[in-house]
Amino acid sequence: MLTTAHVANPEQGDIIDKTLDLFRANSLFRNFEIKGPVDRLLIILILYISDCLAKIGSARTVPMQIEASKMLNTLSIDNLAIPGDACLVDSRAVC
């Protein structure tokens, strides 16, 4: 039996919108109080956005949009170390 996917209310923001809105303020904190799974997901998304910005920022010259897209596509298929993983050391993946 096929089921349909849940369609979000377009008038409400989703977790990605919320993460982007809160990225700057939350990226300055070293400690987060995790109250539930949404907070954990928010932290993981903030770490991922930080990795994306670091990847683009590490280029020798400012990449054009197509080059930046390629860099981020490559990053997206890499393994993302998340808090609690053995290979996460000082907020950087070393595996």
N, C-alpha and C. Protein backbone atom coordinates (compact mmCIF):
# COMPACT_ATOMS: atom_id res chain seq x y z
N MET A 1 0.84 -1.17 0.00
CA MET A 1 0.00 0.00 0.00
C MET A 1 0.89 1.24 0.00
N LEU A 2 0.63 2.15 -0.90
CA LEU A 2 1.39 3.39 -0.99
C LEU A 2 0.76 4.44 -0.08
N THR A 3 1.61 5.17 0.58
CA THR A 3 1.13 6.27 1.40
C THR A 3 1.69 7.56 0.85
N THR A 4 1.00 8.64 1.09
CA THR A 4 1.47 9.93 0.62
C THR A 4 2.31 10.60 1.68
N ALA A 5 3.24 11.42 1.24
CA ALA A 5 4.10 12.14 2.17
C ALA A 5 3.31 13.27 2.81
N HIS A 6 3.69 13.58 4.02
CA HIS A 6 3.06 14.68 4.74
C HIS A 6 3.46 16.00 4.08
N VAL A 7 2.50 16.83 3.76
CA VAL A 7 2.77 18.12 3.15
C VAL A 7 2.75 19.18 4.25
N ALA A 8 3.86 19.90 4.36
CA ALA A 8 3.99 20.92 5.39
C ALA A 8 3.14 22.14 5.03
N ASN A 9 2.74 22.85 6.05
CA ASN A 9 2.00 24.09 5.87
C ASN A 9 2.97 25.14 5.31
N PRO A 10 2.72 25.66 4.09
CA PRO A 10 3.66 26.61 3.49
C PRO A 10 3.76 27.93 4.25
N GLU A 11 2.80 28.22 5.11
CA GLU A 11 2.82 29.46 5.87
C GLU A 11 3.71 29.36 7.09
N GLN A 12 4.06 28.15 7.50
CA GLN A 12 4.95 27.95 8.63
C GLN A 12 6.34 27.62 8.12
N GLY A 13 7.36 28.11 8.84
CA GLY A 13 8.73 27.78 8.47
C GLY A 13 9.03 26.34 8.83
N ASP A 14 10.02 25.76 8.18
CA ASP A 14 10.44 24.40 8.51
C ASP A 14 11.75 24.46 9.28
N ILE A 15 12.31 23.31 9.60
CA ILE A 15 13.52 23.25 10.42
C ILE A 15 14.70 23.88 9.69
N ILE A 16 14.75 23.80 8.38
CA ILE A 16 15.85 24.41 7.62
C ILE A 16 15.74 25.93 7.71
N ASP A 17 14.54 26.47 7.52
CA ASP A 17 14.34 27.91 7.66
C ASP A 17 14.72 28.38 9.06
N LYS A 18 14.31 27.62 10.06
CA LYS A 18 14.60 27.96 11.45
C LYS A 18 16.11 27.93 11.70
N THR A 19 16.79 26.93 11.17
CA THR A 19 18.24 26.82 11.35
C THR A 19 18.95 28.01 10.71
N LEU A 20 18.55 28.36 9.49
CA LEU A 20 19.18 29.49 8.82
C LEU A 20 18.92 30.80 9.56
N ASP A 21 17.72 30.95 10.10
CA ASP A 21 17.39 32.16 10.87
C ASP A 21 18.23 32.26 12.14
N LEU A 22 18.47 31.13 12.79
CA LEU A 22 19.18 31.11 14.07
C LEU A 22 20.67 30.82 13.94
N PHE A 23 21.16 30.63 12.73
CA PHE A 23 22.54 30.17 12.55
C PHE A 23 23.56 31.08 13.21
N ARG A 24 23.50 32.35 12.92
CA ARG A 24 24.53 33.27 13.43
C ARG A 24 24.54 33.30 14.96
N ALA A 25 23.40 33.46 15.56
CA ALA A 25 23.34 33.53 17.02
C ALA A 25 23.77 32.21 17.66
N ASN A 26 23.29 31.11 17.14
CA ASN A 26 23.60 29.80 17.73
C ASN A 26 25.02 29.34 17.45
N SER A 27 25.62 29.79 16.37
CA SER A 27 26.97 29.34 16.06
C SER A 27 28.00 29.97 17.01
N LEU A 28 27.62 30.99 17.74
CA LEU A 28 28.53 31.62 18.70
C LEU A 28 28.57 30.90 20.03
N PHE A 29 27.59 30.06 20.30
CA PHE A 29 27.54 29.33 21.58
C PHE A 29 28.43 28.10 21.53
N ARG A 30 29.12 27.83 22.62
CA ARG A 30 29.92 26.62 22.72
C ARG A 30 29.12 25.48 23.33
N ASN A 31 28.12 25.81 24.13
CA ASN A 31 27.29 24.81 24.79
C ASN A 31 25.82 25.05 24.46
N PHE A 32 25.11 23.98 24.27
CA PHE A 32 23.68 24.04 23.99
C PHE A 32 22.95 23.18 25.00
N GLU A 33 21.82 23.66 25.44
CA GLU A 33 20.97 22.82 26.29
C GLU A 33 20.04 22.05 25.36
N ILE A 34 20.21 20.75 25.33
CA ILE A 34 19.41 19.91 24.44
C ILE A 34 18.18 19.45 25.21
N LYS A 35 17.02 19.93 24.77
CA LYS A 35 15.76 19.60 25.43
C LYS A 35 15.00 18.50 24.70
N GLY A 36 15.43 18.18 23.48
CA GLY A 36 14.72 17.15 22.74
C GLY A 36 15.35 16.92 21.38
N PRO A 37 14.74 16.08 20.58
CA PRO A 37 15.30 15.73 19.28
C PRO A 37 15.39 16.91 18.30
N VAL A 38 14.51 17.87 18.43
CA VAL A 38 14.56 19.04 17.54
C VAL A 38 15.82 19.86 17.82
N ASP A 39 16.17 20.01 19.10
CA ASP A 39 17.40 20.72 19.45
C ASP A 39 18.63 19.99 18.91
N ARG A 40 18.62 18.67 19.00
CA ARG A 40 19.74 17.87 18.48
C ARG A 40 19.85 18.06 16.96
N LEU A 41 18.73 18.05 16.26
CA LEU A 41 18.73 18.25 14.81
C LEU A 41 19.22 19.65 14.47
N LEU A 42 18.81 20.65 15.25
CA LEU A 42 19.25 22.02 15.04
C LEU A 42 20.77 22.12 15.15
N ILE A 43 21.35 21.45 16.13
CA ILE A 43 22.81 21.46 16.31
C ILE A 43 23.50 20.81 15.12
N ILE A 44 22.98 19.67 14.68
CA ILE A 44 23.57 18.97 13.53
C ILE A 44 23.51 19.84 12.28
N LEU A 45 22.38 20.51 12.08
CA LEU A 45 22.25 21.37 10.90
C LEU A 45 23.18 22.58 10.99
N ILE A 46 23.36 23.14 12.18
CA ILE A 46 24.28 24.26 12.36
C ILE A 46 25.71 23.82 12.04
N LEU A 47 26.09 22.63 12.51
CA LEU A 47 27.42 22.10 12.19
C LEU A 47 27.58 21.89 10.69
N TYR A 48 26.53 21.41 10.04
CA TYR A 48 26.60 21.17 8.60
C TYR A 48 26.73 22.49 7.84
N ILE A 49 25.97 23.50 8.22
CA ILE A 49 26.07 24.81 7.57
C ILE A 49 27.47 25.38 7.78
N SER A 50 28.02 25.22 8.98
CA SER A 50 29.38 25.68 9.25
C SER A 50 30.38 24.99 8.33
N ASP A 51 30.23 23.68 8.15
CA ASP A 51 31.10 22.94 7.24
C ASP A 51 30.96 23.45 5.81
N CYS A 52 29.73 23.73 5.38
CA CYS A 52 29.50 24.25 4.03
C CYS A 52 30.20 25.59 3.84
N LEU A 53 30.05 26.49 4.81
CA LEU A 53 30.69 27.80 4.70
C LEU A 53 32.21 27.69 4.74
N ALA A 54 32.72 26.77 5.57
CA ALA A 54 34.17 26.56 5.63
C ALA A 54 34.70 26.01 4.31
N LYS A 55 33.94 25.11 3.69
CA LYS A 55 34.35 24.53 2.41
C LYS A 55 34.44 25.61 1.34
N ILE A 56 33.44 26.45 1.26
CA ILE A 56 33.45 27.53 0.26
C ILE A 56 34.52 28.56 0.61
N GLY A 57 34.69 28.84 1.90
CA GLY A 57 35.67 29.83 2.33
C GLY A 57 37.11 29.37 2.16
N SER A 58 37.33 28.07 2.04
CA SER A 58 38.69 27.55 1.91
C SER A 58 39.21 27.62 0.47
N ALA A 59 38.37 28.01 -0.45
CA ALA A 59 38.80 28.10 -1.85
C ALA A 59 39.83 29.22 -1.99
N ARG A 60 40.76 29.05 -2.90
CA ARG A 60 41.82 30.06 -3.10
C ARG A 60 41.23 31.37 -3.61
N THR A 61 40.21 31.29 -4.43
CA THR A 61 39.51 32.49 -4.92
C THR A 61 38.03 32.30 -4.63
N VAL A 62 37.29 33.38 -4.69
CA VAL A 62 35.85 33.28 -4.45
C VAL A 62 35.23 32.48 -5.59
N PRO A 63 34.60 31.34 -5.26
CA PRO A 63 34.06 30.50 -6.34
C PRO A 63 32.78 31.09 -6.94
N MET A 64 32.62 30.85 -8.22
CA MET A 64 31.37 31.22 -8.88
C MET A 64 30.29 30.27 -8.38
N GLN A 65 29.04 30.58 -8.65
CA GLN A 65 27.93 29.78 -8.12
C GLN A 65 28.02 28.32 -8.55
N ILE A 66 28.36 28.06 -9.79
CA ILE A 66 28.43 26.67 -10.26
C ILE A 66 29.55 25.92 -9.56
N GLU A 67 30.69 26.60 -9.32
CA GLU A 67 31.81 25.96 -8.62
C GLU A 67 31.44 25.70 -7.16
N ALA A 68 30.78 26.67 -6.54
CA ALA A 68 30.36 26.50 -5.14
C ALA A 68 29.35 25.35 -5.03
N SER A 69 28.46 25.23 -6.00
CA SER A 69 27.49 24.13 -6.00
C SER A 69 28.19 22.78 -6.11
N LYS A 70 29.20 22.70 -6.95
CA LYS A 70 29.96 21.46 -7.09
C LYS A 70 30.67 21.11 -5.78
N MET A 71 31.27 22.12 -5.15
CA MET A 71 31.96 21.90 -3.88
C MET A 71 30.99 21.38 -2.82
N LEU A 72 29.81 21.99 -2.76
CA LEU A 72 28.83 21.59 -1.76
C LEU A 72 28.21 20.23 -2.08
N ASN A 73 28.06 19.91 -3.35
CA ASN A 73 27.57 18.57 -3.71
C ASN A 73 28.57 17.51 -3.28
N THR A 74 29.84 17.79 -3.46
CA THR A 74 30.88 16.86 -3.01
C THR A 74 30.84 16.71 -1.50
N LEU A 75 30.70 17.82 -0.80
CA LEU A 75 30.63 17.79 0.66
C LEU A 75 29.40 17.01 1.13
N SER A 76 28.31 17.13 0.41
CA SER A 76 27.06 16.48 0.84
C SER A 76 27.13 14.96 0.81
N ILE A 77 28.03 14.39 -0.01
CA ILE A 77 28.13 12.93 -0.05
C ILE A 77 29.20 12.39 0.89
N ASP A 78 29.99 13.29 1.49
CA ASP A 78 30.96 12.88 2.50
C ASP A 78 30.23 12.51 3.78
N ASN A 79 30.91 11.76 4.64
CA ASN A 79 30.34 11.43 5.95
C ASN A 79 30.39 12.66 6.83
N LEU A 80 29.29 12.94 7.50
CA LEU A 80 29.20 14.07 8.41
C LEU A 80 29.35 13.56 9.83
N ALA A 81 30.37 14.03 10.53
CA ALA A 81 30.55 13.64 11.93
C ALA A 81 29.60 14.47 12.78
N ILE A 82 28.86 13.82 13.63
CA ILE A 82 27.92 14.51 14.50
C ILE A 82 28.31 14.31 15.95
N PRO A 83 27.85 15.17 16.84
CA PRO A 83 28.19 15.01 18.25
C PRO A 83 27.84 13.60 18.73
N GLY A 84 28.79 12.99 19.42
CA GLY A 84 28.61 11.63 19.89
C GLY A 84 29.37 10.61 19.05
N ASP A 85 29.76 10.99 17.83
CA ASP A 85 30.55 10.09 16.99
C ASP A 85 31.97 10.00 17.54
N ALA A 86 32.57 8.85 17.39
CA ALA A 86 33.94 8.65 17.86
C ALA A 86 34.94 9.48 17.06
N CYS A 87 34.60 9.82 15.82
CA CYS A 87 35.56 10.54 14.98
C CYS A 87 35.40 12.05 15.07
N LEU A 88 34.58 12.54 15.97
CA LEU A 88 34.41 13.99 16.13
C LEU A 88 35.32 14.45 17.26
N VAL A 89 36.32 15.25 16.90
CA VAL A 89 37.26 15.77 17.88
C VAL A 89 37.33 17.28 17.71
N ASP A 90 37.10 18.02 18.77
CA ASP A 90 37.13 19.48 18.73
C ASP A 90 36.27 20.04 17.61
N SER A 91 35.07 19.51 17.46
CA SER A 91 34.10 19.96 16.45
C SER A 91 34.58 19.77 15.02
N ARG A 92 35.59 18.94 14.80
CA ARG A 92 36.05 18.66 13.45
C ARG A 92 36.12 17.16 13.24
N ALA A 93 35.73 16.73 12.09
CA ALA A 93 35.80 15.30 11.79
C ALA A 93 37.24 14.92 11.48
N VAL A 94 37.69 13.85 12.07
CA VAL A 94 39.04 13.39 11.80
C VAL A 94 39.04 11.97 11.21
N CYS A 95 37.87 11.43 10.92
CA CYS A 95 37.78 10.08 10.34
C CYS A 95 37.79 10.18 8.83
